[in-house]
């Protein structure tokens, strides 16, 4: 364990994931430059205490606070308690490389115009750690573009047909870069080395300037698992995320407390509806494109026989057309 300290507070919300939390703490304990303090905000059914974490993080600078279940509330508690210049928001199922804190702080110190920086989040798929979804076909890309649906796939010209029209469209799509579609959905297609910027990215292992996040805390109206919360707080901070794409951080996607895909979809769409209504940068045109995107998804669900998802969309459309968010 290093004796060097950084001016960073790590904030970790956790619930019923003691073993996963320990793995995250071990990786924080092994950093080349340690955090000034680590604040764990616990909402487990059986409370976690500092002594439960002995051997995982060997420092008196580890603090455990208890809270009711709400990822947004838990993060806000840790952020408010922080006494550091920087805050590392860290989920309880992450594993950081040893130079993670040192690299991110160095980048922020050298780039005063940047408020948020993260490593490249990778997840295990088919025994390989991947940073984006599998390749997308031209037909699917075209359909998603027409309906303004979200894409989280690295696009490369070489992955598509040499047909001139196909190449022209892909070049046009790539030229728009990482962005927010008119429908409000995030588009993540550019993962350039060594750094890329994007308006929407996961904050599950990001370092943020403390003064920025304290002015724009998490909205505690969101579902307790926090689906859509990072999008919302990024809109509040009005800052892009710089991603150091050579610095990979592992996300284990621990299944405990994880919402099933169908239910997560419902909360994700509901969260975006709430965000579109909340921020002045979005208007009636964005809401119209948003409805169009749900219609497009409904057609895809029907075509693929996903009738439960189709039912969620009907429920969502009823609320959206009535201009009533589940979070109001």
C-alpha atoms as a PDB file:
ATOM      1  CA  UNK A   1       0.000   0.000   0.000  1.00  0.00           C
ATOM      2  CA  UNK A   2       1.291   3.449  -0.952  1.00  0.00           C
ATOM      3  CA  UNK A   3       1.949   6.174   1.631  1.00  0.00           C
ATOM      4  CA  UNK A   4       1.168   8.912  -0.906  1.00  0.00           C
ATOM      5  CA  UNK A   5      -2.172  10.678  -0.460  1.00  0.00           C
ATOM      6  CA  UNK A   6      -4.227  12.506  -3.052  1.00  0.00           C
ATOM      7  CA  UNK A   7      -6.793  15.209  -2.409  1.00  0.00           C
ATOM      8  CA  UNK A   8      -9.604  12.792  -3.314  1.00  0.00           C
ATOM      9  CA  UNK A   9     -12.612  11.495  -1.438  1.00  0.00           C
ATOM     10  CA  UNK A  10     -14.012   8.196  -2.706  1.00  0.00           C
ATOM     11  CA  UNK A  11     -17.796   7.923  -2.275  1.00  0.00           C
ATOM     12  CA  UNK A  12     -19.226   4.389  -2.506  1.00  0.00           C
ATOM     13  CA  UNK A  13     -22.963   3.700  -2.143  1.00  0.00           C
ATOM     14  CA  UNK A  14     -23.600   0.040  -1.302  1.00  0.00           C
ATOM     15  CA  UNK A  15     -26.452  -2.316  -0.458  1.00  0.00           C
ATOM     16  CA  UNK A  16     -26.174  -6.024   0.449  1.00  0.00           C
ATOM     17  CA  UNK A  17     -22.929  -6.453  -1.506  1.00  0.00           C
ATOM     18  CA  UNK A  18     -20.312  -6.955   1.186  1.00  0.00           C
ATOM     19  CA  UNK A  19     -18.018  -9.268  -0.801  1.00  0.00           C
ATOM     20  CA  UNK A  20     -18.224  -7.127  -3.914  1.00  0.00           C
ATOM     21  CA  UNK A  21     -17.530  -4.021  -1.838  1.00  0.00           C
ATOM     22  CA  UNK A  22     -14.442  -5.695  -0.346  1.00  0.00           C
ATOM     23  CA  UNK A  23     -13.030  -6.346  -3.831  1.00  0.00           C
ATOM     24  CA  UNK A  24     -13.505  -2.678  -4.708  1.00  0.00           C
ATOM     25  CA  UNK A  25     -11.817  -1.589  -1.472  1.00  0.00           C
ATOM     26  CA  UNK A  26      -8.864  -3.908  -2.078  1.00  0.00           C
ATOM     27  CA  UNK A  27      -8.281  -2.235  -5.461  1.00  0.00           C
ATOM     28  CA  UNK A  28      -8.474   1.181  -3.765  1.00  0.00           C
ATOM     29  CA  UNK A  29      -6.051  -0.043  -1.105  1.00  0.00           C
ATOM     30  CA  UNK A  30      -3.555  -0.984  -3.837  1.00  0.00           C
ATOM     31  CA  UNK A  31      -3.504   2.419  -5.554  1.00  0.00           C
ATOM     32  CA  UNK A  32      -0.172   4.064  -6.364  1.00  0.00           C
ATOM     33  CA  UNK A  33      -1.644   7.201  -4.763  1.00  0.00           C
ATOM     34  CA  UNK A  34      -4.254   6.649  -2.072  1.00  0.00           C
ATOM     35  CA  UNK A  35      -7.466   8.579  -1.511  1.00  0.00           C
ATOM     36  CA  UNK A  36      -7.544  11.149   1.266  1.00  0.00           C
ATOM     37  CA  UNK A  37     -10.648   9.392   2.593  1.00  0.00           C
ATOM     38  CA  UNK A  38     -13.091   6.676   1.572  1.00  0.00           C
ATOM     39  CA  UNK A  39     -16.742   7.140   2.532  1.00  0.00           C
ATOM     40  CA  UNK A  40     -18.973   4.077   2.236  1.00  0.00           C
ATOM     41  CA  UNK A  41     -22.686   4.912   2.455  1.00  0.00           C
ATOM     42  CA  UNK A  42     -24.450   1.667   3.319  1.00  0.00           C
ATOM     43  CA  UNK A  43     -28.153   0.804   3.040  1.00  0.00           C
ATOM     44  CA  UNK A  44     -27.830  -2.967   3.525  1.00  0.00           C
ATOM     45  CA  UNK A  45     -30.516  -4.998   5.272  1.00  0.00           C
ATOM     46  CA  UNK A  46     -27.834  -5.918   7.816  1.00  0.00           C
ATOM     47  CA  UNK A  47     -25.676  -2.873   8.463  1.00  0.00           C
ATOM     48  CA  UNK A  48     -22.044  -2.957   7.390  1.00  0.00           C
ATOM     49  CA  UNK A  49     -19.502  -1.486   9.829  1.00  0.00           C
ATOM     50  CA  UNK A  50     -15.825  -0.515   9.537  1.00  0.00           C
ATOM     51  CA  UNK A  51     -14.729  -3.711  11.284  1.00  0.00           C
ATOM     52  CA  UNK A  52     -16.487  -5.792   8.614  1.00  0.00           C
ATOM     53  CA  UNK A  53     -14.084  -4.286   6.091  1.00  0.00           C
ATOM     54  CA  UNK A  54     -10.839  -4.947   7.971  1.00  0.00           C
ATOM     55  CA  UNK A  55      -8.222  -6.385   5.649  1.00  0.00           C
ATOM     56  CA  UNK A  56      -9.877  -4.861   2.599  1.00  0.00           C
ATOM     57  CA  UNK A  57      -8.889  -1.257   3.211  1.00  0.00           C
ATOM     58  CA  UNK A  58      -6.138  -0.833   5.779  1.00  0.00           C
ATOM     59  CA  UNK A  59      -6.587   2.776   6.743  1.00  0.00           C
ATOM     60  CA  UNK A  60      -8.195   4.852   9.469  1.00  0.00           C
ATOM     61  CA  UNK A  61      -9.468   7.075   6.650  1.00  0.00           C
ATOM     62  CA  UNK A  62     -12.285   4.628   5.871  1.00  0.00           C
ATOM     63  CA  UNK A  63     -15.705   5.738   7.122  1.00  0.00           C
ATOM     64  CA  UNK A  64     -19.067   3.953   6.962  1.00  0.00           C
ATOM     65  CA  UNK A  65     -22.330   5.897   7.118  1.00  0.00           C
ATOM     66  CA  UNK A  66     -25.789   4.322   7.130  1.00  0.00           C
ATOM     67  CA  UNK A  67     -28.709   5.471   5.027  1.00  0.00           C
ATOM     68  CA  UNK A  68     -32.061   4.359   3.710  1.00  0.00           C
ATOM     69  CA  UNK A  69     -31.906   2.648   0.278  1.00  0.00           C
ATOM     70  CA  UNK A  70     -31.448   5.229  -2.487  1.00  0.00           C
ATOM     71  CA  UNK A  71     -28.324   5.416  -4.620  1.00  0.00           C
ATOM     72  CA  UNK A  72     -28.870   9.131  -5.273  1.00  0.00           C
ATOM     73  CA  UNK A  73     -29.376   9.933  -1.585  1.00  0.00           C
ATOM     74  CA  UNK A  74     -26.380   7.785  -0.629  1.00  0.00           C
ATOM     75  CA  UNK A  75     -24.116   9.552  -3.108  1.00  0.00           C
ATOM     76  CA  UNK A  76     -25.322  12.952  -1.906  1.00  0.00           C
ATOM     77  CA  UNK A  77     -24.559  12.034   1.700  1.00  0.00           C
ATOM     78  CA  UNK A  78     -21.002  11.050   0.798  1.00  0.00           C
ATOM     79  CA  UNK A  79     -20.501  14.098  -1.426  1.00  0.00           C
ATOM     80  CA  UNK A  80     -21.696  16.434   1.329  1.00  0.00           C
ATOM     81  CA  UNK A  81     -19.342  14.821   3.888  1.00  0.00           C
ATOM     82  CA  UNK A  82     -16.336  15.082   1.571  1.00  0.00           C
ATOM     83  CA  UNK A  83     -13.490  17.401   2.568  1.00  0.00           C
ATOM     84  CA  UNK A  84     -11.425  16.988  -0.618  1.00  0.00           C
ATOM     85  CA  UNK A  85     -10.825  18.928  -3.809  1.00  0.00           C
ATOM     86  CA  UNK A  86     -11.928  15.955  -5.923  1.00  0.00           C
ATOM     87  CA  UNK A  87     -14.581  13.266  -5.506  1.00  0.00           C
ATOM     88  CA  UNK A  88     -14.297   9.795  -6.984  1.00  0.00           C
ATOM     89  CA  UNK A  89     -17.794   8.385  -7.429  1.00  0.00           C
ATOM     90  CA  UNK A  90     -17.313   4.641  -7.251  1.00  0.00           C
ATOM     91  CA  UNK A  91     -19.866   1.847  -7.481  1.00  0.00           C
ATOM     92  CA  UNK A  92     -19.417  -1.121  -5.163  1.00  0.00           C
ATOM     93  CA  UNK A  93     -18.703  -3.616  -7.963  1.00  0.00           C
ATOM     94  CA  UNK A  94     -15.718  -1.912  -9.591  1.00  0.00           C
ATOM     95  CA  UNK A  95     -12.072  -2.963  -9.706  1.00  0.00           C
ATOM     96  CA  UNK A  96      -9.571  -0.194 -10.385  1.00  0.00           C
ATOM     97  CA  UNK A  97      -6.086  -0.545 -11.909  1.00  0.00           C
ATOM     98  CA  UNK A  98      -3.301   0.495  -9.523  1.00  0.00           C
ATOM     99  CA  UNK A  99      -2.589   3.829 -11.247  1.00  0.00           C
ATOM    100  CA  UNK A 100      -6.237   4.854 -11.568  1.00  0.00           C
ATOM    101  CA  UNK A 101      -6.503   7.693  -9.024  1.00  0.00           C
ATOM    102  CA  UNK A 102      -3.034   9.000  -9.865  1.00  0.00           C
ATOM    103  CA  UNK A 103      -3.786   9.107 -13.611  1.00  0.00           C
ATOM    104  CA  UNK A 104      -7.182  10.805 -13.306  1.00  0.00           C
ATOM    105  CA  UNK A 105      -5.979  13.463 -10.866  1.00  0.00           C
ATOM    106  CA  UNK A 106      -2.940  14.194 -13.014  1.00  0.00           C
ATOM    107  CA  UNK A 107      -5.233  14.700 -16.011  1.00  0.00           C
ATOM    108  CA  UNK A 108      -7.518  17.087 -14.098  1.00  0.00           C
ATOM    109  CA  UNK A 109      -4.560  19.060 -12.762  1.00  0.00           C
ATOM    110  CA  UNK A 110      -3.167  19.426 -16.295  1.00  0.00           C
ATOM    111  CA  UNK A 111      -6.549  20.271 -17.862  1.00  0.00           C
ATOM    112  CA  UNK A 112      -8.212  22.977 -15.801  1.00  0.00           C
ATOM    113  CA  UNK A 113     -11.122  23.234 -18.275  1.00  0.00           C
ATOM    114  CA  UNK A 114     -12.161  19.633 -17.561  1.00  0.00           C
ATOM    115  CA  UNK A 115     -14.493  18.946 -14.626  1.00  0.00           C
ATOM    116  CA  UNK A 116     -15.124  15.208 -14.999  1.00  0.00           C
ATOM    117  CA  UNK A 117     -12.771  12.401 -16.012  1.00  0.00           C
ATOM    118  CA  UNK A 118     -13.176   8.631 -16.049  1.00  0.00           C
ATOM    119  CA  UNK A 119     -11.325   5.561 -17.156  1.00  0.00           C
ATOM    120  CA  UNK A 120     -12.831   3.295 -19.804  1.00  0.00           C
ATOM    121  CA  UNK A 121     -15.449   1.079 -18.139  1.00  0.00           C
ATOM    122  CA  UNK A 122     -15.228  -2.535 -19.311  1.00  0.00           C
ATOM    123  CA  UNK A 123     -17.650  -5.400 -18.618  1.00  0.00           C
ATOM    124  CA  UNK A 124     -17.217  -9.141 -19.104  1.00  0.00           C
ATOM    125  CA  UNK A 125     -18.997 -10.653 -22.104  1.00  0.00           C
ATOM    126  CA  UNK A 126     -18.243 -14.192 -23.313  1.00  0.00           C
ATOM    127  CA  UNK A 127     -15.167 -14.353 -21.057  1.00  0.00           C
ATOM    128  CA  UNK A 128     -13.729 -11.124 -22.532  1.00  0.00           C
ATOM    129  CA  UNK A 129     -13.667  -7.648 -21.043  1.00  0.00           C
ATOM    130  CA  UNK A 130     -15.470  -5.342 -23.486  1.00  0.00           C
ATOM    131  CA  UNK A 131     -16.000  -1.572 -23.470  1.00  0.00           C
ATOM    132  CA  UNK A 132     -18.906  -1.423 -25.932  1.00  0.00           C
ATOM    133  CA  UNK A 133     -21.654  -3.548 -27.358  1.00  0.00           C
ATOM    134  CA  UNK A 134     -21.056  -5.995 -30.215  1.00  0.00           C
ATOM    135  CA  UNK A 135     -20.811  -4.715 -33.785  1.00  0.00           C
ATOM    136  CA  UNK A 136     -24.012  -3.340 -35.243  1.00  0.00           C
ATOM    137  CA  UNK A 137     -25.306  -4.175 -38.714  1.00  0.00           C
ATOM    138  CA  UNK A 138     -25.951  -1.415 -41.242  1.00  0.00           C
ATOM    139  CA  UNK A 139     -29.685  -2.206 -41.248  1.00  0.00           C
ATOM    140  CA  UNK A 140     -29.897  -1.923 -37.460  1.00  0.00           C
ATOM    141  CA  UNK A 141     -27.851   1.289 -37.493  1.00  0.00           C
ATOM    142  CA  UNK A 142     -30.213   2.755 -40.099  1.00  0.00           C
ATOM    143  CA  UNK A 143     -33.341   1.758 -38.136  1.00  0.00           C
ATOM    144  CA  UNK A 144     -31.895   3.158 -34.890  1.00  0.00           C
ATOM    145  CA  UNK A 145     -31.015   6.394 -36.671  1.00  0.00           C
ATOM    146  CA  UNK A 146     -34.508   6.772 -38.154  1.00  0.00           C
ATOM    147  CA  UNK A 147     -36.145   6.329 -34.744  1.00  0.00           C
ATOM    148  CA  UNK A 148     -33.484   8.212 -32.746  1.00  0.00           C
ATOM    149  CA  UNK A 149     -32.679   5.231 -30.543  1.00  0.00           C
ATOM    150  CA  UNK A 150     -29.670   4.953 -28.259  1.00  0.00           C
ATOM    151  CA  UNK A 151     -26.491   3.320 -29.578  1.00  0.00           C
ATOM    152  CA  UNK A 152     -23.533   2.275 -27.396  1.00  0.00           C
ATOM    153  CA  UNK A 153     -21.349   0.629 -30.027  1.00  0.00           C
ATOM    154  CA  UNK A 154     -17.989   1.651 -31.426  1.00  0.00           C
ATOM    155  CA  UNK A 155     -18.455   2.335 -35.128  1.00  0.00           C
ATOM    156  CA  UNK A 156     -15.616   1.736 -37.580  1.00  0.00           C
ATOM    157  CA  UNK A 157     -15.814   2.215 -41.330  1.00  0.00           C
ATOM    158  CA  UNK A 158     -14.032  -1.091 -41.948  1.00  0.00           C
ATOM    159  CA  UNK A 159     -16.885  -3.013 -40.273  1.00  0.00           C
ATOM    160  CA  UNK A 160     -19.352  -2.052 -43.006  1.00  0.00           C
ATOM    161  CA  UNK A 161     -19.871  -2.916 -46.642  1.00  0.00           C
ATOM    162  CA  UNK A 162     -17.780  -1.101 -49.246  1.00  0.00           C
ATOM    163  CA  UNK A 163     -21.013  -0.027 -50.945  1.00  0.00           C
ATOM    164  CA  UNK A 164     -20.703   3.726 -51.591  1.00  0.00           C
ATOM    165  CA  UNK A 165     -24.104   4.611 -50.132  1.00  0.00           C
ATOM    166  CA  UNK A 166     -23.405   2.556 -46.990  1.00  0.00           C
ATOM    167  CA  UNK A 167     -19.980   4.121 -46.563  1.00  0.00           C
ATOM    168  CA  UNK A 168     -21.400   7.603 -47.102  1.00  0.00           C
ATOM    169  CA  UNK A 169     -24.077   7.103 -44.447  1.00  0.00           C
ATOM    170  CA  UNK A 170     -21.670   5.604 -41.896  1.00  0.00           C
ATOM    171  CA  UNK A 171     -19.228   8.482 -42.487  1.00  0.00           C
ATOM    172  CA  UNK A 172     -22.084  10.957 -41.966  1.00  0.00           C
ATOM    173  CA  UNK A 173     -23.154   9.188 -38.753  1.00  0.00           C
ATOM    174  CA  UNK A 174     -19.589   9.008 -37.413  1.00  0.00           C
ATOM    175  CA  UNK A 175     -19.098  12.688 -38.199  1.00  0.00           C
ATOM    176  CA  UNK A 176     -21.739  13.597 -35.631  1.00  0.00           C
ATOM    177  CA  UNK A 177     -19.640  11.966 -32.868  1.00  0.00           C
ATOM    178  CA  UNK A 178     -20.782  11.196 -29.342  1.00  0.00           C
ATOM    179  CA  UNK A 179     -23.919  13.200 -28.697  1.00  0.00           C
ATOM    180  CA  UNK A 180     -27.488  13.370 -27.454  1.00  0.00           C
ATOM    181  CA  UNK A 181     -30.042  12.576 -30.163  1.00  0.00           C
ATOM    182  CA  UNK A 182     -33.036  14.841 -30.754  1.00  0.00           C
ATOM    183  CA  UNK A 183     -35.089  12.184 -28.956  1.00  0.00           C
ATOM    184  CA  UNK A 184     -32.916  12.648 -25.867  1.00  0.00           C
ATOM    185  CA  UNK A 185     -31.211   9.259 -26.114  1.00  0.00           C
ATOM    186  CA  UNK A 186     -27.397   9.171 -25.814  1.00  0.00           C
ATOM    187  CA  UNK A 187     -25.281   8.102 -28.796  1.00  0.00           C
ATOM    188  CA  UNK A 188     -21.873   6.591 -27.913  1.00  0.00           C
ATOM    189  CA  UNK A 189     -19.985   5.607 -31.072  1.00  0.00           C
ATOM    190  CA  UNK A 190     -16.520   7.134 -30.721  1.00  0.00           C
ATOM    191  CA  UNK A 191     -14.018   5.474 -28.366  1.00  0.00           C
ATOM    192  CA  UNK A 192     -10.863   7.139 -29.688  1.00  0.00           C
ATOM    193  CA  UNK A 193      -7.447   6.543 -28.133  1.00  0.00           C
ATOM    194  CA  UNK A 194      -6.046   7.862 -25.854  1.00  0.00           C
ATOM    195  CA  UNK A 195      -8.887  10.230 -24.854  1.00  0.00           C
ATOM    196  CA  UNK A 196     -12.422  10.898 -26.024  1.00  0.00           C
ATOM    197  CA  UNK A 197     -15.128  13.215 -24.777  1.00  0.00           C
ATOM    198  CA  UNK A 198     -18.821  12.539 -24.498  1.00  0.00           C
ATOM    199  CA  UNK A 199     -21.849  14.375 -23.044  1.00  0.00           C
ATOM    200  CA  UNK A 200     -23.212  11.183 -21.457  1.00  0.00           C
ATOM    201  CA  UNK A 201     -21.125   8.467 -19.827  1.00  0.00           C
ATOM    202  CA  UNK A 202     -21.296   6.281 -16.762  1.00  0.00           C
ATOM    203  CA  UNK A 203     -20.062   7.975 -13.592  1.00  0.00           C
ATOM    204  CA  UNK A 204     -19.612   4.666 -11.774  1.00  0.00           C
ATOM    205  CA  UNK A 205     -15.871   5.322 -11.461  1.00  0.00           C
ATOM    206  CA  UNK A 206     -15.384   8.992 -12.372  1.00  0.00           C
ATOM    207  CA  UNK A 207     -13.474  11.772 -10.633  1.00  0.00           C
ATOM    208  CA  UNK A 208     -15.280  15.118 -10.434  1.00  0.00           C
ATOM    209  CA  UNK A 209     -14.181  18.474  -9.092  1.00  0.00           C
ATOM    210  CA  UNK A 210     -15.855  18.765  -5.701  1.00  0.00           C
ATOM    211  CA  UNK A 211     -17.086  22.342  -6.190  1.00  0.00           C
ATOM    212  CA  UNK A 212     -18.933  21.282  -9.361  1.00  0.00           C
ATOM    213  CA  UNK A 213     -20.753  18.221  -7.991  1.00  0.00           C
ATOM    214  CA  UNK A 214     -21.647  19.961  -4.720  1.00  0.00           C
ATOM    215  CA  UNK A 215     -23.479  22.660  -6.698  1.00  0.00           C
ATOM    216  CA  UNK A 216     -25.378  20.020  -8.695  1.00  0.00           C
ATOM    217  CA  UNK A 217     -26.239  17.112  -6.380  1.00  0.00           C
ATOM    218  CA  UNK A 218     -28.088  13.997  -7.481  1.00  0.00           C
ATOM    219  CA  UNK A 219     -31.860  14.277  -7.860  1.00  0.00           C
ATOM    220  CA  UNK A 220     -33.292  12.006  -5.165  1.00  0.00           C
ATOM    221  CA  UNK A 221     -36.594  11.641  -7.011  1.00  0.00           C
ATOM    222  CA  UNK A 222     -35.163   8.796  -9.101  1.00  0.00           C
ATOM    223  CA  UNK A 223     -35.849   5.115  -8.477  1.00  0.00           C
ATOM    224  CA  UNK A 224     -33.737   3.801  -5.581  1.00  0.00           C
ATOM    225  CA  UNK A 225     -31.384   1.932  -7.937  1.00  0.00           C
ATOM    226  CA  UNK A 226     -30.621   5.239  -9.601  1.00  0.00           C
ATOM    227  CA  UNK A 227     -31.439   4.380 -13.210  1.00  0.00           C
ATOM    228  CA  UNK A 228     -31.018   7.567 -15.262  1.00  0.00           C
ATOM    229  CA  UNK A 229     -29.396   9.463 -12.396  1.00  0.00           C
ATOM    230  CA  UNK A 230     -26.016   9.960 -14.082  1.00  0.00           C
ATOM    231  CA  UNK A 231     -27.620  11.434 -17.214  1.00  0.00           C
ATOM    232  CA  UNK A 232     -29.553  13.835 -14.995  1.00  0.00           C
ATOM    233  CA  UNK A 233     -26.576  14.982 -12.923  1.00  0.00           C
ATOM    234  CA  UNK A 234     -24.478  15.497 -16.070  1.00  0.00           C
ATOM    235  CA  UNK A 235     -27.212  17.761 -17.430  1.00  0.00           C
ATOM    236  CA  UNK A 236     -27.174  19.664 -14.115  1.00  0.00           C
ATOM    237  CA  UNK A 237     -23.384  20.080 -14.171  1.00  0.00           C
ATOM    238  CA  UNK A 238     -23.448  20.954 -17.894  1.00  0.00           C
ATOM    239  CA  UNK A 239     -20.069  19.273 -18.345  1.00  0.00           C
ATOM    240  CA  UNK A 240     -18.766  16.676 -20.753  1.00  0.00           C
ATOM    241  CA  UNK A 241     -16.924  13.605 -19.508  1.00  0.00           C
ATOM    242  CA  UNK A 242     -13.330  13.075 -20.619  1.00  0.00           C
ATOM    243  CA  UNK A 243     -12.588   9.342 -20.839  1.00  0.00           C
ATOM    244  CA  UNK A 244      -9.005   8.086 -20.707  1.00  0.00           C
ATOM    245  CA  UNK A 245      -9.570   5.160 -23.039  1.00  0.00           C
ATOM    246  CA  UNK A 246      -6.218   3.479 -22.306  1.00  0.00           C
ATOM    247  CA  UNK A 247      -7.104   3.232 -18.600  1.00  0.00           C
ATOM    248  CA  UNK A 248      -9.543   0.342 -18.164  1.00  0.00           C
ATOM    249  CA  UNK A 249     -11.633  -0.129 -15.032  1.00  0.00           C
ATOM    250  CA  UNK A 250     -13.590  -3.354 -14.532  1.00  0.00           C
ATOM    251  CA  UNK A 251     -17.311  -3.380 -13.793  1.00  0.00           C
ATOM    252  CA  UNK A 252     -18.409  -6.774 -12.459  1.00  0.00           C
ATOM    253  CA  UNK A 253     -22.168  -6.062 -12.674  1.00  0.00           C
ATOM    254  CA  UNK A 254     -22.851  -7.867  -9.395  1.00  0.00           C
ATOM    255  CA  UNK A 255     -26.369  -9.380  -9.706  1.00  0.00           C
ATOM    256  CA  UNK A 256     -27.449  -8.643  -6.104  1.00  0.00           C
ATOM    257  CA  UNK A 257     -29.973  -5.745  -6.127  1.00  0.00           C
ATOM    258  CA  UNK A 258     -29.682  -5.444  -9.899  1.00  0.00           C
ATOM    259  CA  UNK A 259     -32.970  -4.700 -11.644  1.00  0.00           C
ATOM    260  CA  UNK A 260     -34.025  -7.137 -14.383  1.00  0.00           C
ATOM    261  CA  UNK A 261     -33.570  -5.862 -17.937  1.00  0.00           C
ATOM    262  CA  UNK A 262     -37.303  -5.441 -18.645  1.00  0.00           C
ATOM    263  CA  UNK A 263     -37.928  -3.440 -15.485  1.00  0.00           C
ATOM    264  CA  UNK A 264     -34.715  -1.451 -15.973  1.00  0.00           C
ATOM    265  CA  UNK A 265     -35.952  -0.464 -19.425  1.00  0.00           C
ATOM    266  CA  UNK A 266     -39.173   0.909 -17.914  1.00  0.00           C
ATOM    267  CA  UNK A 267     -37.266   3.020 -15.380  1.00  0.00           C
ATOM    268  CA  UNK A 268     -34.727   4.162 -17.986  1.00  0.00           C
ATOM    269  CA  UNK A 269     -37.416   5.476 -20.348  1.00  0.00           C
ATOM    270  CA  UNK A 270     -39.290   7.028 -17.421  1.00  0.00           C
ATOM    271  CA  UNK A 271     -36.079   8.735 -16.290  1.00  0.00           C
ATOM    272  CA  UNK A 272     -35.472  10.219 -19.734  1.00  0.00           C
ATOM    273  CA  UNK A 273     -39.054  11.504 -19.881  1.00  0.00           C
ATOM    274  CA  UNK A 274     -38.516  13.186 -16.502  1.00  0.00           C
ATOM    275  CA  UNK A 275     -35.230  14.720 -17.709  1.00  0.00           C
ATOM    276  CA  UNK A 276     -36.797  16.043 -20.926  1.00  0.00           C
ATOM    277  CA  UNK A 277     -39.484  17.775 -18.867  1.00  0.00           C
ATOM    278  CA  UNK A 278     -37.007  19.051 -16.263  1.00  0.00           C
ATOM    279  CA  UNK A 279     -34.343  20.823 -18.330  1.00  0.00           C
ATOM    280  CA  UNK A 280     -34.989  23.914 -20.456  1.00  0.00           C
ATOM    281  CA  UNK A 281     -32.516  22.773 -23.113  1.00  0.00           C
ATOM    282  CA  UNK A 282     -35.166  20.247 -24.185  1.00  0.00           C
ATOM    283  CA  UNK A 283     -38.407  21.384 -25.779  1.00  0.00           C
ATOM    284  CA  UNK A 284     -41.587  20.097 -27.374  1.00  0.00           C
ATOM    285  CA  UNK A 285     -39.632  18.943 -30.425  1.00  0.00           C
ATOM    286  CA  UNK A 286     -37.462  16.685 -28.268  1.00  0.00           C
ATOM    287  CA  UNK A 287     -40.566  15.226 -26.634  1.00  0.00           C
ATOM    288  CA  UNK A 288     -42.049  14.520 -30.057  1.00  0.00           C
ATOM    289  CA  UNK A 289     -38.882  12.725 -31.194  1.00  0.00           C
ATOM    290  CA  UNK A 290     -38.848  10.879 -27.859  1.00  0.00           C
ATOM    291  CA  UNK A 291     -42.360   9.539 -28.479  1.00  0.00           C
ATOM    292  CA  UNK A 292     -41.277   8.594 -31.999  1.00  0.00           C
ATOM    293  CA  UNK A 293     -38.343   6.617 -30.547  1.00  0.00           C
ATOM    294  CA  UNK A 294     -40.676   4.666 -28.263  1.00  0.00           C
ATOM    295  CA  UNK A 295     -42.951   3.919 -31.210  1.00  0.00           C
ATOM    296  CA  UNK A 296     -39.905   2.609 -33.101  1.00  0.00           C
ATOM    297  CA  UNK A 297     -38.876   0.445 -30.173  1.00  0.00           C
ATOM    298  CA  UNK A 298     -42.434  -0.871 -29.955  1.00  0.00           C
ATOM    299  CA  UNK A 299     -42.251  -2.004 -33.581  1.00  0.00           C
ATOM    300  CA  UNK A 300     -38.979  -3.799 -32.844  1.00  0.00           C
ATOM    301  CA  UNK A 301     -40.450  -5.461 -29.740  1.00  0.00           C
ATOM    302  CA  UNK A 302     -43.473  -6.612 -31.733  1.00  0.00           C
ATOM    303  CA  UNK A 303     -41.281  -7.950 -34.553  1.00  0.00           C
ATOM    304  CA  UNK A 304     -39.082  -9.857 -32.078  1.00  0.00           C
ATOM    305  CA  UNK A 305     -41.980 -11.203 -30.003  1.00  0.00           C
ATOM    306  CA  UNK A 306     -41.035  -9.253 -26.883  1.00  0.00           C
ATOM    307  CA  UNK A 307     -44.595  -8.699 -25.746  1.00  0.00           C
ATOM    308  CA  UNK A 308     -43.747  -7.862 -22.131  1.00  0.00           C
ATOM    309  CA  UNK A 309     -41.521  -5.025 -23.327  1.00  0.00           C
ATOM    310  CA  UNK A 310     -44.261  -3.914 -25.706  1.00  0.00           C
ATOM    311  CA  UNK A 311     -46.627  -3.779 -22.723  1.00  0.00           C
ATOM    312  CA  UNK A 312     -44.161  -1.545 -20.871  1.00  0.00           C
ATOM    313  CA  UNK A 313     -44.072   0.794 -23.863  1.00  0.00           C
ATOM    314  CA  UNK A 314     -47.860   1.077 -23.983  1.00  0.00           C
ATOM    315  CA  UNK A 315     -47.828   1.925 -20.274  1.00  0.00           C
ATOM    316  CA  UNK A 316     -45.063   4.468 -20.842  1.00  0.00           C
ATOM    317  CA  UNK A 317     -46.760   6.100 -23.824  1.00  0.00           C
ATOM    318  CA  UNK A 318     -49.963   6.537 -21.812  1.00  0.00           C
ATOM    319  CA  UNK A 319     -48.039   8.500 -19.193  1.00  0.00           C
ATOM    320  CA  UNK A 320     -45.942  10.466 -21.665  1.00  0.00           C
ATOM    321  CA  UNK A 321     -48.909  11.566 -23.778  1.00  0.00           C
ATOM    322  CA  UNK A 322     -50.625  12.665 -20.565  1.00  0.00           C
ATOM    323  CA  UNK A 323     -47.413  14.600 -19.739  1.00  0.00           C
ATOM    324  CA  UNK A 324     -47.153  12.815 -16.387  1.00  0.00           C
ATOM    325  CA  UNK A 325     -43.786  11.517 -15.223  1.00  0.00           C
ATOM    326  CA  UNK A 326     -43.610   8.746 -12.613  1.00  0.00           C
ATOM    327  CA  UNK A 327     -41.196  11.023 -10.722  1.00  0.00           C
ATOM    328  CA  UNK A 328     -43.515  14.036 -10.435  1.00  0.00           C
END
